[in-house]
Amino acid sequence: MNQIAPQGFTGVTTHALTTVRVRDLELLADIGINPDEVGRRQPLVLTVELELTGTGITAIDETVDYRRVVAAAEALALVHIPLIETFGQRLAEECLGWPCVQQARVSIDKPFALTRGMAGVEVIMTRPVRFPGPNGEETRP
């Protein structure tokens, strides 16, 4: 027999995982290493997924505003960055600097990098976890 627990029931410990996602963000970025790419803005398509810490998100200050992700990506697009790998790493590092972000996954496609097909990268960065150790605090990835 299945019964629904009454509201406010706390007999079960739960763990929630929240992911904030910006998908298929198109940008023109100053990116590339080839002579014909330098100084010319090129299209990139980004997907950013941020894994958040905490449970019971009820206010904007407990999460990440999507517009903040877009603004960070747009700011990077204005600076010449030779590789999309570096672009992804810098964006992931920026996102990990925000209080509730535990992991950042940045996928970048560069539509015109190949004659046929799509070139792209994915960068996944996780905030180090601190554990109490016998001689003080220990950091683990």
Protein backbone atom coordinates (compact mmCIF):
# COMPACT_ATOMS: atom_id res chain seq x y z
CA MET A 1 0.00 0.00 0.00
CA ASN A 2 1.49 3.35 -1.07
CA GLN A 3 0.71 6.36 1.04
CA ILE A 4 1.68 9.95 0.48
CA ALA A 5 3.57 11.46 3.40
CA PRO A 6 1.87 14.42 5.05
CA GLN A 7 3.22 17.89 4.35
CA GLY A 8 6.21 18.71 6.53
CA PHE A 9 7.17 15.04 6.98
CA THR A 10 10.89 14.89 7.71
CA GLY A 11 11.37 11.20 8.29
CA VAL A 12 13.37 10.78 5.06
CA THR A 13 16.70 12.40 4.35
CA THR A 14 16.82 13.75 0.81
CA HIS A 15 19.56 15.09 -1.38
CA ALA A 16 18.65 17.41 -4.24
CA LEU A 17 20.86 18.25 -7.18
CA THR A 18 20.06 21.44 -9.06
CA THR A 19 21.57 22.27 -12.44
CA VAL A 20 21.26 25.73 -13.97
CA ARG A 21 21.59 25.54 -17.75
CA VAL A 22 22.09 28.02 -20.58
CA ARG A 23 21.83 26.12 -23.86
CA ASP A 24 22.75 27.00 -27.45
CA LEU A 25 24.01 30.50 -26.68
CA GLU A 26 25.31 31.96 -29.94
CA LEU A 27 28.18 34.44 -29.67
CA LEU A 28 30.60 36.13 -32.01
CA ALA A 29 33.99 35.74 -30.36
CA ASP A 30 37.50 37.00 -31.05
CA ILE A 31 38.94 33.49 -31.18
CA GLY A 32 41.41 31.49 -33.24
CA ILE A 33 45.07 30.82 -33.95
CA ASN A 34 45.15 30.76 -37.75
CA PRO A 35 46.13 33.98 -39.55
CA ASP A 36 42.72 34.21 -41.24
CA GLU A 37 41.00 33.96 -37.80
CA VAL A 38 42.96 36.55 -35.82
CA GLY A 39 41.17 39.87 -35.62
CA ARG A 40 37.94 38.41 -37.01
CA ARG A 41 35.03 37.52 -34.78
CA GLN A 42 33.74 34.00 -35.29
CA PRO A 43 30.56 32.26 -34.21
CA LEU A 44 30.57 29.98 -31.18
CA VAL A 45 27.67 28.03 -29.74
CA LEU A 46 27.86 27.46 -25.97
CA THR A 47 26.03 25.33 -23.48
CA VAL A 48 26.82 25.97 -19.82
CA GLU A 49 25.60 23.72 -17.01
CA LEU A 50 26.22 24.68 -13.42
CA GLU A 51 25.71 22.18 -10.61
CA LEU A 52 24.65 23.99 -7.46
CA THR A 53 25.18 23.16 -3.80
CA GLY A 54 22.40 23.28 -1.29
CA THR A 55 18.79 22.23 -1.34
CA GLY A 56 15.48 23.99 -1.21
CA ILE A 57 16.27 26.89 -3.52
CA THR A 58 13.57 29.49 -3.00
CA ALA A 59 15.27 32.80 -3.80
CA ILE A 60 17.46 34.18 -6.60
CA ASP A 61 20.42 34.64 -4.24
CA GLU A 62 20.44 30.86 -3.67
CA THR A 63 20.96 30.12 -7.36
CA VAL A 64 22.62 31.63 -10.45
CA ASP A 65 20.78 34.08 -12.66
CA TYR A 66 20.98 32.89 -16.28
CA ARG A 67 21.80 36.43 -17.37
CA ARG A 68 24.97 36.31 -15.28
CA VAL A 69 26.17 33.28 -17.28
CA VAL A 70 25.41 35.08 -20.56
CA ALA A 71 27.18 38.25 -19.42
CA ALA A 72 30.31 36.29 -18.42
CA ALA A 73 30.42 34.53 -21.80
CA GLU A 74 29.84 37.79 -23.70
CA ALA A 75 32.66 39.49 -21.80
CA LEU A 76 35.08 36.69 -22.72
CA ALA A 77 33.99 36.89 -26.36
CA LEU A 78 35.36 40.45 -26.54
CA VAL A 79 38.91 39.41 -25.62
CA HIS A 80 41.15 37.57 -28.08
CA ILE A 81 41.51 34.00 -26.87
CA PRO A 82 43.44 31.68 -29.20
CA LEU A 83 41.75 28.37 -28.31
CA ILE A 84 38.18 27.37 -27.55
CA GLU A 85 39.63 25.10 -24.85
CA THR A 86 41.00 28.20 -23.10
CA PHE A 87 37.69 30.02 -23.56
CA GLY A 88 35.88 27.10 -21.92
CA GLN A 89 38.35 26.92 -19.03
CA ARG A 90 38.10 30.64 -18.32
CA LEU A 91 34.32 30.60 -18.38
CA ALA A 92 34.20 27.54 -16.10
CA GLU A 93 36.64 29.20 -13.66
CA GLU A 94 34.50 32.35 -13.61
CA CYS A 95 31.38 30.34 -12.82
CA LEU A 96 33.13 28.36 -10.06
CA GLY A 97 33.91 31.67 -8.38
CA TRP A 98 30.20 32.20 -7.70
CA PRO A 99 29.11 31.10 -4.21
CA CYS A 100 26.71 28.22 -4.87
CA VAL A 101 28.39 26.66 -7.94
CA GLN A 102 30.01 23.28 -7.24
CA GLN A 103 30.69 22.17 -10.81
CA ALA A 104 30.77 23.92 -14.19
CA ARG A 105 30.39 22.13 -17.50
CA VAL A 106 31.04 24.28 -20.58
CA SER A 107 30.47 22.88 -24.08
CA ILE A 108 31.59 24.97 -27.03
CA ASP A 109 31.01 24.31 -30.72
CA LYS A 110 32.82 26.26 -33.42
CA PRO A 111 30.59 25.88 -36.48
CA PHE A 112 32.99 26.99 -39.22
CA ALA A 113 36.21 25.38 -37.93
CA LEU A 114 35.80 22.41 -40.30
CA THR A 115 34.64 22.15 -43.88
CA ARG A 116 32.40 19.22 -42.92
CA GLY A 117 31.21 18.53 -39.40
CA MET A 118 31.35 20.48 -36.18
CA ALA A 119 34.42 21.06 -34.02
CA GLY A 120 33.98 21.53 -30.31
CA VAL A 121 35.21 20.99 -26.78
CA GLU A 122 33.76 20.34 -23.35
CA VAL A 123 35.39 21.54 -20.15
CA ILE A 124 34.29 20.23 -16.76
CA MET A 125 35.64 21.86 -13.61
CA THR A 126 34.72 21.04 -10.03
CA ARG A 127 35.31 23.12 -6.94
CA PRO A 128 37.71 21.28 -4.60
CA VAL A 129 36.08 19.72 -1.55
CA ARG A 130 37.68 20.36 1.83
CA PHE A 131 37.79 17.55 4.38
CA PRO A 132 39.07 17.75 7.92
CA GLY A 133 42.31 15.81 8.15
CA PRO A 134 44.41 14.69 11.11
CA ASN A 135 46.81 17.63 10.69
CA GLY A 136 44.32 20.23 9.50
CA GLU A 137 42.23 20.68 6.40
CA GLU A 138 42.81 18.52 3.33
CA THR A 139 41.60 19.42 -0.17
CA ARG A 140 40.41 16.80 -2.65
CA PRO A 141 39.08 17.24 -6.17
